């Protein structure tokens, strides 16, 4: 396949060429003649096909009977090679919102994922000649990359990279892989982020219950760790004060403190009057 290199095409300020055409037309009318007028008229028609209007952050890819002649990026009324095809390519940044895709994460759980990708054409010639319909190419390659990344990571995890918890790392990987896939079409990826992430409806309720159970377990673990720290501080304080507790009293103290500190209800003191 031919490697297309983006290069500037012949381009002149259109108003200069327009002024020259007016002068040529007036001269032809003044001179007259059966040969001069038809010749000048045909010449003016040919020259007129070279005009094009280019807005800011737009370009024209110029081809002459199938041959790439270059790219025009000047703004305003521009005159370029006549009798050529001039394809408009926008150089503006564009938001592409992918559809919600149903994929399996690295744990095999079905999830829904979607993303927003900010891109623009960096090489207009490659976008036109290297791929067929570059916008459709971006859509297809984006879906491939999103599916691939979703399959490499779990939806959520505490001790490793996950789709929900590691947004920065996932964004970097998404941009990197998209740029690698799309650079062949002259596309520059500015940013890419996950815009939608959820468990599939068929397992959403079950996964929500699991997340709630994990949250409760984590909270309980932190509570017990804190309570053990308090118990240790109490025993250390008693020891510094010279209060020696028997093993039976130490166990009873620890049990009472743990029950009081980890209970989800208020402690109700009981006064023992039987001894």
C-alpha atoms as a PDB file:
ATOM      1  CA  UNK A   1       0.000   0.000   0.000  1.00  0.00           C
ATOM      2  CA  UNK A   2       1.282   3.461  -0.903  1.00  0.00           C
ATOM      3  CA  UNK A   3       2.358   5.548   2.071  1.00  0.00           C
ATOM      4  CA  UNK A   4       0.654   8.929   1.717  1.00  0.00           C
ATOM      5  CA  UNK A   5       2.588  11.881   3.159  1.00  0.00           C
ATOM      6  CA  UNK A   6       0.596  15.033   3.841  1.00  0.00           C
ATOM      7  CA  UNK A   7       2.133  17.933   1.897  1.00  0.00           C
ATOM      8  CA  UNK A   8       0.991  21.464   1.020  1.00  0.00           C
ATOM      9  CA  UNK A   9      -0.716  21.972  -2.330  1.00  0.00           C
ATOM     10  CA  UNK A  10      -0.375  25.002  -4.580  1.00  0.00           C
ATOM     11  CA  UNK A  11      -2.543  27.747  -3.092  1.00  0.00           C
ATOM     12  CA  UNK A  12      -2.854  31.466  -3.797  1.00  0.00           C
ATOM     13  CA  UNK A  13      -4.988  34.190  -2.296  1.00  0.00           C
ATOM     14  CA  UNK A  14      -8.243  33.869  -4.185  1.00  0.00           C
ATOM     15  CA  UNK A  15      -8.864  37.609  -4.401  1.00  0.00           C
ATOM     16  CA  UNK A  16      -5.615  38.101  -6.350  1.00  0.00           C
ATOM     17  CA  UNK A  17      -6.612  35.495  -8.930  1.00  0.00           C
ATOM     18  CA  UNK A  18     -10.129  36.932  -9.064  1.00  0.00           C
ATOM     19  CA  UNK A  19      -8.727  40.413  -9.778  1.00  0.00           C
ATOM     20  CA  UNK A  20      -6.488  39.030 -12.535  1.00  0.00           C
ATOM     21  CA  UNK A  21      -9.438  37.224 -14.086  1.00  0.00           C
ATOM     22  CA  UNK A  22     -11.475  40.435 -14.134  1.00  0.00           C
ATOM     23  CA  UNK A  23      -8.597  42.290 -15.785  1.00  0.00           C
ATOM     24  CA  UNK A  24      -8.208  39.481 -18.340  1.00  0.00           C
ATOM     25  CA  UNK A  25     -11.935  39.513 -19.089  1.00  0.00           C
ATOM     26  CA  UNK A  26     -12.024  43.295 -19.569  1.00  0.00           C
ATOM     27  CA  UNK A  27      -8.958  43.137 -21.807  1.00  0.00           C
ATOM     28  CA  UNK A  28     -10.512  40.390 -23.926  1.00  0.00           C
ATOM     29  CA  UNK A  29     -13.692  42.403 -24.319  1.00  0.00           C
ATOM     30  CA  UNK A  30     -11.695  45.476 -25.296  1.00  0.00           C
ATOM     31  CA  UNK A  31      -9.575  43.623 -27.844  1.00  0.00           C
ATOM     32  CA  UNK A  32     -12.460  41.577 -29.190  1.00  0.00           C
ATOM     33  CA  UNK A  33     -12.010  39.072 -31.971  1.00  0.00           C
ATOM     34  CA  UNK A  34     -13.623  35.803 -32.906  1.00  0.00           C
ATOM     35  CA  UNK A  35     -10.718  33.774 -31.478  1.00  0.00           C
ATOM     36  CA  UNK A  36      -9.787  35.862 -28.460  1.00  0.00           C
ATOM     37  CA  UNK A  37     -13.182  35.964 -26.724  1.00  0.00           C
ATOM     38  CA  UNK A  38     -13.923  32.189 -26.870  1.00  0.00           C
ATOM     39  CA  UNK A  39     -10.361  31.353 -25.797  1.00  0.00           C
ATOM     40  CA  UNK A  40     -10.447  33.753 -22.859  1.00  0.00           C
ATOM     41  CA  UNK A  41     -13.905  32.535 -21.854  1.00  0.00           C
ATOM     42  CA  UNK A  42     -12.733  28.914 -21.716  1.00  0.00           C
ATOM     43  CA  UNK A  43      -9.601  29.959 -19.816  1.00  0.00           C
ATOM     44  CA  UNK A  44     -11.670  31.864 -17.271  1.00  0.00           C
ATOM     45  CA  UNK A  45     -13.991  28.873 -16.772  1.00  0.00           C
ATOM     46  CA  UNK A  46     -11.008  26.613 -16.168  1.00  0.00           C
ATOM     47  CA  UNK A  47      -9.419  29.066 -13.738  1.00  0.00           C
ATOM     48  CA  UNK A  48     -12.738  29.437 -11.939  1.00  0.00           C
ATOM     49  CA  UNK A  49     -12.718  25.744 -10.955  1.00  0.00           C
ATOM     50  CA  UNK A  50      -9.679  26.401  -8.740  1.00  0.00           C
ATOM     51  CA  UNK A  51     -11.569  28.554  -6.224  1.00  0.00           C
ATOM     52  CA  UNK A  52     -12.555  27.186  -2.832  1.00  0.00           C
ATOM     53  CA  UNK A  53     -13.586  28.704   0.513  1.00  0.00           C
ATOM     54  CA  UNK A  54     -11.881  27.225   3.572  1.00  0.00           C
ATOM     55  CA  UNK A  55     -13.081  27.961   7.102  1.00  0.00           C
ATOM     56  CA  UNK A  56     -10.735  28.041  10.130  1.00  0.00           C
ATOM     57  CA  UNK A  57      -9.553  24.568  11.217  1.00  0.00           C
ATOM     58  CA  UNK A  58     -10.566  23.006   7.919  1.00  0.00           C
ATOM     59  CA  UNK A  59      -8.522  21.693   4.995  1.00  0.00           C
ATOM     60  CA  UNK A  60      -8.972  20.586   1.396  1.00  0.00           C
ATOM     61  CA  UNK A  61      -7.335  17.444   0.061  1.00  0.00           C
ATOM     62  CA  UNK A  62      -6.646  18.120  -3.628  1.00  0.00           C
ATOM     63  CA  UNK A  63      -6.570  15.317  -6.217  1.00  0.00           C
ATOM     64  CA  UNK A  64      -6.064  15.662  -9.950  1.00  0.00           C
ATOM     65  CA  UNK A  65      -7.620  12.736 -11.845  1.00  0.00           C
ATOM     66  CA  UNK A  66      -6.840  10.353  -8.984  1.00  0.00           C
ATOM     67  CA  UNK A  67      -3.393  11.747  -8.195  1.00  0.00           C
ATOM     68  CA  UNK A  68      -2.808  13.360  -4.804  1.00  0.00           C
ATOM     69  CA  UNK A  69      -1.589  16.917  -5.343  1.00  0.00           C
ATOM     70  CA  UNK A  70      -1.425  18.116  -1.741  1.00  0.00           C
ATOM     71  CA  UNK A  71      -3.494  19.619   1.073  1.00  0.00           C
ATOM     72  CA  UNK A  72      -4.632  23.232   1.402  1.00  0.00           C
ATOM     73  CA  UNK A  73      -5.004  24.605   4.933  1.00  0.00           C
ATOM     74  CA  UNK A  74      -5.112  28.379   4.276  1.00  0.00           C
ATOM     75  CA  UNK A  75      -8.316  30.088   5.377  1.00  0.00           C
ATOM     76  CA  UNK A  76     -10.609  32.281   3.343  1.00  0.00           C
ATOM     77  CA  UNK A  77     -11.052  32.453  -0.433  1.00  0.00           C
ATOM     78  CA  UNK A  78      -8.240  30.332  -1.866  1.00  0.00           C
ATOM     79  CA  UNK A  79      -7.301  29.445  -5.406  1.00  0.00           C
ATOM     80  CA  UNK A  80      -5.563  26.143  -6.073  1.00  0.00           C
ATOM     81  CA  UNK A  81      -4.970  23.812  -8.987  1.00  0.00           C
ATOM     82  CA  UNK A  82      -7.998  23.983 -11.329  1.00  0.00           C
ATOM     83  CA  UNK A  83      -9.995  20.979 -12.548  1.00  0.00           C
ATOM     84  CA  UNK A  84      -9.267  19.113  -9.338  1.00  0.00           C
ATOM     85  CA  UNK A  85     -11.343  17.368  -6.710  1.00  0.00           C
ATOM     86  CA  UNK A  86     -11.196  19.135  -3.352  1.00  0.00           C
ATOM     87  CA  UNK A  87     -12.325  17.016  -0.386  1.00  0.00           C
ATOM     88  CA  UNK A  88     -13.195  18.830   2.818  1.00  0.00           C
ATOM     89  CA  UNK A  89     -11.559  17.463   5.990  1.00  0.00           C
ATOM     90  CA  UNK A  90     -12.282  19.079   9.350  1.00  0.00           C
ATOM     91  CA  UNK A  91      -9.295  19.593  11.653  1.00  0.00           C
ATOM     92  CA  UNK A  92     -11.445  20.464  14.667  1.00  0.00           C
ATOM     93  CA  UNK A  93     -11.615  18.372  17.830  1.00  0.00           C
ATOM     94  CA  UNK A  94     -14.611  16.045  17.815  1.00  0.00           C
ATOM     95  CA  UNK A  95     -16.329  14.166  20.645  1.00  0.00           C
ATOM     96  CA  UNK A  96     -17.135  10.554  19.873  1.00  0.00           C
ATOM     97  CA  UNK A  97     -19.474   8.858  22.345  1.00  0.00           C
ATOM     98  CA  UNK A  98     -19.321   5.107  22.015  1.00  0.00           C
ATOM     99  CA  UNK A  99     -22.466   3.023  22.456  1.00  0.00           C
ATOM    100  CA  UNK A 100     -22.916   1.045  25.669  1.00  0.00           C
ATOM    101  CA  UNK A 101     -21.131  -2.251  25.101  1.00  0.00           C
ATOM    102  CA  UNK A 102     -21.872  -5.453  26.996  1.00  0.00           C
ATOM    103  CA  UNK A 103     -18.607  -7.268  27.761  1.00  0.00           C
ATOM    104  CA  UNK A 104     -17.138  -9.577  30.405  1.00  0.00           C
ATOM    105  CA  UNK A 105     -14.518  -8.220  32.796  1.00  0.00           C
ATOM    106  CA  UNK A 106     -11.436 -10.217  33.818  1.00  0.00           C
ATOM    107  CA  UNK A 107     -13.520 -12.070  36.438  1.00  0.00           C
ATOM    108  CA  UNK A 108     -16.077 -13.112  33.840  1.00  0.00           C
ATOM    109  CA  UNK A 109     -18.785 -10.789  35.156  1.00  0.00           C
ATOM    110  CA  UNK A 110     -20.995  -9.231  32.436  1.00  0.00           C
ATOM    111  CA  UNK A 111     -20.749  -5.445  32.523  1.00  0.00           C
ATOM    112  CA  UNK A 112     -21.869  -2.465  30.462  1.00  0.00           C
ATOM    113  CA  UNK A 113     -19.212   0.030  29.453  1.00  0.00           C
ATOM    114  CA  UNK A 114     -19.086   3.143  27.277  1.00  0.00           C
ATOM    115  CA  UNK A 115     -16.583   5.913  26.679  1.00  0.00           C
ATOM    116  CA  UNK A 116     -16.142   9.438  25.341  1.00  0.00           C
ATOM    117  CA  UNK A 117     -13.193   9.991  22.995  1.00  0.00           C
ATOM    118  CA  UNK A 118     -11.857  13.405  21.958  1.00  0.00           C
ATOM    119  CA  UNK A 119     -10.056  13.245  18.613  1.00  0.00           C
ATOM    120  CA  UNK A 120      -9.162  15.240  15.532  1.00  0.00           C
ATOM    121  CA  UNK A 121      -7.601  14.650  12.123  1.00  0.00           C
ATOM    122  CA  UNK A 122      -3.881  15.347  12.256  1.00  0.00           C
ATOM    123  CA  UNK A 123      -2.988  14.165   8.753  1.00  0.00           C
ATOM    124  CA  UNK A 124      -5.770  14.878   6.266  1.00  0.00           C
ATOM    125  CA  UNK A 125      -4.194  12.905   3.415  1.00  0.00           C
ATOM    126  CA  UNK A 126      -3.895   9.742   5.523  1.00  0.00           C
ATOM    127  CA  UNK A 127      -7.465  10.111   6.768  1.00  0.00           C
ATOM    128  CA  UNK A 128      -8.755  10.204   3.187  1.00  0.00           C
ATOM    129  CA  UNK A 129      -6.471   7.737   1.391  1.00  0.00           C
ATOM    130  CA  UNK A 130      -5.245   5.224   4.011  1.00  0.00           C
ATOM    131  CA  UNK A 131      -8.642   4.038   5.263  1.00  0.00           C
ATOM    132  CA  UNK A 132     -12.109   3.906   3.783  1.00  0.00           C
ATOM    133  CA  UNK A 133     -14.430   6.254   5.737  1.00  0.00           C
ATOM    134  CA  UNK A 134     -12.149   7.309   8.598  1.00  0.00           C
ATOM    135  CA  UNK A 135     -15.006   8.203  10.963  1.00  0.00           C
ATOM    136  CA  UNK A 136     -16.414   4.682  10.702  1.00  0.00           C
ATOM    137  CA  UNK A 137     -12.871   3.367  11.162  1.00  0.00           C
ATOM    138  CA  UNK A 138     -12.592   5.344  14.423  1.00  0.00           C
ATOM    139  CA  UNK A 139     -15.894   3.918  15.655  1.00  0.00           C
ATOM    140  CA  UNK A 140     -14.912   0.310  14.920  1.00  0.00           C
ATOM    141  CA  UNK A 141     -11.404   0.553  16.356  1.00  0.00           C
ATOM    142  CA  UNK A 142     -12.696   2.294  19.480  1.00  0.00           C
ATOM    143  CA  UNK A 143     -15.096  -0.563  20.155  1.00  0.00           C
ATOM    144  CA  UNK A 144     -12.264  -3.094  19.767  1.00  0.00           C
ATOM    145  CA  UNK A 145     -10.023  -1.207  22.208  1.00  0.00           C
ATOM    146  CA  UNK A 146     -12.782  -0.709  24.801  1.00  0.00           C
ATOM    147  CA  UNK A 147     -13.686  -4.410  24.718  1.00  0.00           C
ATOM    148  CA  UNK A 148     -10.028  -5.377  25.038  1.00  0.00           C
ATOM    149  CA  UNK A 149      -9.376  -3.135  28.048  1.00  0.00           C
ATOM    150  CA  UNK A 150     -12.599  -4.173  29.797  1.00  0.00           C
ATOM    151  CA  UNK A 151     -11.564  -7.828  29.507  1.00  0.00           C
ATOM    152  CA  UNK A 152      -8.153  -7.151  31.086  1.00  0.00           C
ATOM    153  CA  UNK A 153      -9.376  -5.702  34.396  1.00  0.00           C
ATOM    154  CA  UNK A 154     -12.037  -6.520  37.005  1.00  0.00           C
ATOM    155  CA  UNK A 155     -14.986  -4.204  37.475  1.00  0.00           C
ATOM    156  CA  UNK A 156     -13.915  -3.458  41.052  1.00  0.00           C
ATOM    157  CA  UNK A 157     -11.063  -4.596  43.299  1.00  0.00           C
ATOM    158  CA  UNK A 158      -9.435  -3.274  46.467  1.00  0.00           C
ATOM    159  CA  UNK A 159      -5.831  -4.414  46.005  1.00  0.00           C
ATOM    160  CA  UNK A 160      -5.289  -4.166  42.245  1.00  0.00           C
ATOM    161  CA  UNK A 161      -6.123  -2.120  39.173  1.00  0.00           C
ATOM    162  CA  UNK A 162      -9.834  -2.056  38.381  1.00  0.00           C
ATOM    163  CA  UNK A 163     -12.129  -0.332  35.918  1.00  0.00           C
ATOM    164  CA  UNK A 164     -14.008   1.538  38.640  1.00  0.00           C
ATOM    165  CA  UNK A 165     -11.204   2.343  41.037  1.00  0.00           C
ATOM    166  CA  UNK A 166      -8.256   3.115  38.748  1.00  0.00           C
ATOM    167  CA  UNK A 167      -9.676   5.752  36.407  1.00  0.00           C
ATOM    168  CA  UNK A 168      -6.322   7.460  35.812  1.00  0.00           C
ATOM    169  CA  UNK A 169      -4.509   4.304  34.752  1.00  0.00           C
ATOM    170  CA  UNK A 170      -7.432   3.118  32.641  1.00  0.00           C
ATOM    171  CA  UNK A 171      -7.611   6.503  30.880  1.00  0.00           C
ATOM    172  CA  UNK A 172      -3.886   6.416  30.044  1.00  0.00           C
ATOM    173  CA  UNK A 173      -4.149   2.896  28.669  1.00  0.00           C
ATOM    174  CA  UNK A 174      -7.267   3.770  26.667  1.00  0.00           C
ATOM    175  CA  UNK A 175      -5.587   6.808  25.065  1.00  0.00           C
ATOM    176  CA  UNK A 176      -2.382   4.857  24.364  1.00  0.00           C
ATOM    177  CA  UNK A 177      -4.095   1.911  22.672  1.00  0.00           C
ATOM    178  CA  UNK A 178      -6.465   4.134  20.680  1.00  0.00           C
ATOM    179  CA  UNK A 179      -3.551   6.257  19.428  1.00  0.00           C
ATOM    180  CA  UNK A 180      -1.666   3.127  18.385  1.00  0.00           C
ATOM    181  CA  UNK A 181      -4.677   1.835  16.463  1.00  0.00           C
ATOM    182  CA  UNK A 182      -5.669   5.131  14.808  1.00  0.00           C
ATOM    183  CA  UNK A 183      -2.335   6.716  13.922  1.00  0.00           C
ATOM    184  CA  UNK A 184      -2.401   4.809  10.629  1.00  0.00           C
ATOM    185  CA  UNK A 185      -5.375   6.996   9.648  1.00  0.00           C
ATOM    186  CA  UNK A 186      -3.714  10.248  10.717  1.00  0.00           C
ATOM    187  CA  UNK A 187      -5.899  10.617  13.817  1.00  0.00           C
ATOM    188  CA  UNK A 188      -4.733  12.297  17.034  1.00  0.00           C
ATOM    189  CA  UNK A 189      -6.371  11.222  20.319  1.00  0.00           C
ATOM    190  CA  UNK A 190      -6.470  14.041  22.870  1.00  0.00           C
ATOM    191  CA  UNK A 191      -8.453  12.325  25.625  1.00  0.00           C
ATOM    192  CA  UNK A 192     -10.564   9.252  26.309  1.00  0.00           C
ATOM    193  CA  UNK A 193     -12.553   8.466  29.424  1.00  0.00           C
ATOM    194  CA  UNK A 194     -15.061   5.871  30.526  1.00  0.00           C
ATOM    195  CA  UNK A 195     -18.463   7.568  30.548  1.00  0.00           C
ATOM    196  CA  UNK A 196     -20.616   4.601  31.575  1.00  0.00           C
ATOM    197  CA  UNK A 197     -19.737   1.621  33.755  1.00  0.00           C
ATOM    198  CA  UNK A 198     -22.224  -0.715  35.387  1.00  0.00           C
ATOM    199  CA  UNK A 199     -22.973  -4.357  35.932  1.00  0.00           C
ATOM    200  CA  UNK A 200     -25.377  -5.884  33.457  1.00  0.00           C
ATOM    201  CA  UNK A 201     -29.012  -5.800  34.650  1.00  0.00           C
ATOM    202  CA  UNK A 202     -29.174  -9.580  35.085  1.00  0.00           C
ATOM    203  CA  UNK A 203     -26.509  -9.560  37.822  1.00  0.00           C
ATOM    204  CA  UNK A 204     -26.724  -5.968  39.058  1.00  0.00           C
ATOM    205  CA  UNK A 205     -28.840  -6.790  42.141  1.00  0.00           C
ATOM    206  CA  UNK A 206     -26.632  -9.704  43.177  1.00  0.00           C
ATOM    207  CA  UNK A 207     -23.442  -7.673  42.727  1.00  0.00           C
ATOM    208  CA  UNK A 208     -24.933  -4.791  44.725  1.00  0.00           C
ATOM    209  CA  UNK A 209     -25.619  -7.164  47.606  1.00  0.00           C
ATOM    210  CA  UNK A 210     -22.062  -8.457  47.394  1.00  0.00           C
ATOM    211  CA  UNK A 211     -20.659  -4.932  47.453  1.00  0.00           C
ATOM    212  CA  UNK A 212     -22.811  -4.096  50.478  1.00  0.00           C
ATOM    213  CA  UNK A 213     -21.642  -7.253  52.265  1.00  0.00           C
ATOM    214  CA  UNK A 214     -17.996  -6.427  51.480  1.00  0.00           C
ATOM    215  CA  UNK A 215     -18.501  -2.876  52.751  1.00  0.00           C
ATOM    216  CA  UNK A 216     -20.032  -4.129  56.013  1.00  0.00           C
ATOM    217  CA  UNK A 217     -17.217  -6.673  56.436  1.00  0.00           C
ATOM    218  CA  UNK A 218     -14.586  -4.000  55.834  1.00  0.00           C
ATOM    219  CA  UNK A 219     -16.235  -1.655  58.343  1.00  0.00           C
ATOM    220  CA  UNK A 220     -16.440  -4.437  60.931  1.00  0.00           C
ATOM    221  CA  UNK A 221     -12.781  -5.286  60.400  1.00  0.00           C
ATOM    222  CA  UNK A 222     -11.740  -1.676  60.958  1.00  0.00           C
ATOM    223  CA  UNK A 223     -13.957  -1.483  64.039  1.00  0.00           C
ATOM    224  CA  UNK A 224     -12.450  -4.626  65.570  1.00  0.00           C
ATOM    225  CA  UNK A 225      -8.919  -3.412  64.821  1.00  0.00           C
ATOM    226  CA  UNK A 226      -9.692  -0.124  66.563  1.00  0.00           C
ATOM    227  CA  UNK A 227     -11.274  -1.907  69.529  1.00  0.00           C
ATOM    228  CA  UNK A 228      -8.232  -4.163  69.941  1.00  0.00           C
ATOM    229  CA  UNK A 229      -6.029  -1.084  69.944  1.00  0.00           C
ATOM    230  CA  UNK A 230      -8.132   0.454  72.734  1.00  0.00           C
ATOM    231  CA  UNK A 231      -7.994  -2.781  74.755  1.00  0.00           C
ATOM    232  CA  UNK A 232      -4.234  -2.873  74.371  1.00  0.00           C
ATOM    233  CA  UNK A 233      -3.997   0.758  75.560  1.00  0.00           C
ATOM    234  CA  UNK A 234      -6.145  -0.055  78.641  1.00  0.00           C
ATOM    235  CA  UNK A 235      -4.032  -3.042  79.605  1.00  0.00           C
ATOM    236  CA  UNK A 236      -0.844  -1.027  79.096  1.00  0.00           C
ATOM    237  CA  UNK A 237      -2.261   1.756  81.279  1.00  0.00           C
ATOM    238  CA  UNK A 238      -3.120  -0.725  84.068  1.00  0.00           C
ATOM    239  CA  UNK A 239       0.365  -2.169  83.880  1.00  0.00           C
ATOM    240  CA  UNK A 240       1.970   1.287  84.197  1.00  0.00           C
ATOM    241  CA  UNK A 241      -0.236   2.021  87.229  1.00  0.00           C
ATOM    242  CA  UNK A 242       0.958  -1.167  88.898  1.00  0.00           C
ATOM    243  CA  UNK A 243      -2.443  -2.856  88.677  1.00  0.00           C
ATOM    244  CA  UNK A 244      -1.913  -6.557  88.134  1.00  0.00           C
ATOM    245  CA  UNK A 245      -4.859  -8.469  86.768  1.00  0.00           C
ATOM    246  CA  UNK A 246      -5.208 -12.197  86.940  1.00  0.00           C
ATOM    247  CA  UNK A 247      -5.670 -14.086  83.705  1.00  0.00           C
ATOM    248  CA  UNK A 248      -9.362 -14.565  84.509  1.00  0.00           C
ATOM    249  CA  UNK A 249      -9.948 -10.844  85.132  1.00  0.00           C
ATOM    250  CA  UNK A 250      -7.880  -9.883  82.067  1.00  0.00           C
ATOM    251  CA  UNK A 251      -9.970 -12.145  79.867  1.00  0.00           C
ATOM    252  CA  UNK A 252     -13.191 -10.797  81.372  1.00  0.00           C
ATOM    253  CA  UNK A 253     -12.014  -7.184  80.862  1.00  0.00           C
ATOM    254  CA  UNK A 254     -11.055  -7.834  77.275  1.00  0.00           C
ATOM    255  CA  UNK A 255     -14.374  -9.553  76.585  1.00  0.00           C
ATOM    256  CA  UNK A 256     -16.414  -6.726  78.122  1.00  0.00           C
ATOM    257  CA  UNK A 257     -14.465  -4.024  76.251  1.00  0.00           C
ATOM    258  CA  UNK A 258     -14.769  -5.795  72.902  1.00  0.00           C
ATOM    259  CA  UNK A 259     -18.491  -6.349  73.338  1.00  0.00           C
ATOM    260  CA  UNK A 260     -18.999  -2.708  74.318  1.00  0.00           C
ATOM    261  CA  UNK A 261     -16.828  -1.238  71.578  1.00  0.00           C
ATOM    262  CA  UNK A 262     -17.972  -3.434  68.679  1.00  0.00           C
ATOM    263  CA  UNK A 263     -21.668  -3.675  69.457  1.00  0.00           C
ATOM    264  CA  UNK A 264     -24.058  -1.793  67.186  1.00  0.00           C
ATOM    265  CA  UNK A 265     -26.263  -1.034  70.186  1.00  0.00           C
ATOM    266  CA  UNK A 266     -25.761   1.169  73.213  1.00  0.00           C
ATOM    267  CA  UNK A 267     -24.109  -0.519  76.207  1.00  0.00           C
ATOM    268  CA  UNK A 268     -26.418  -1.139  79.198  1.00  0.00           C
ATOM    269  CA  UNK A 269     -24.373  -1.303  82.418  1.00  0.00           C
ATOM    270  CA  UNK A 270     -25.217  -4.096  84.864  1.00  0.00           C
ATOM    271  CA  UNK A 271     -24.366  -3.658  88.541  1.00  0.00           C
ATOM    272  CA  UNK A 272     -23.479  -6.961  90.153  1.00  0.00           C
ATOM    273  CA  UNK A 273     -24.820  -6.971  93.767  1.00  0.00           C
ATOM    274  CA  UNK A 274     -24.650 -10.674  94.332  1.00  0.00           C
ATOM    275  CA  UNK A 275     -21.081 -10.727  95.656  1.00  0.00           C
END
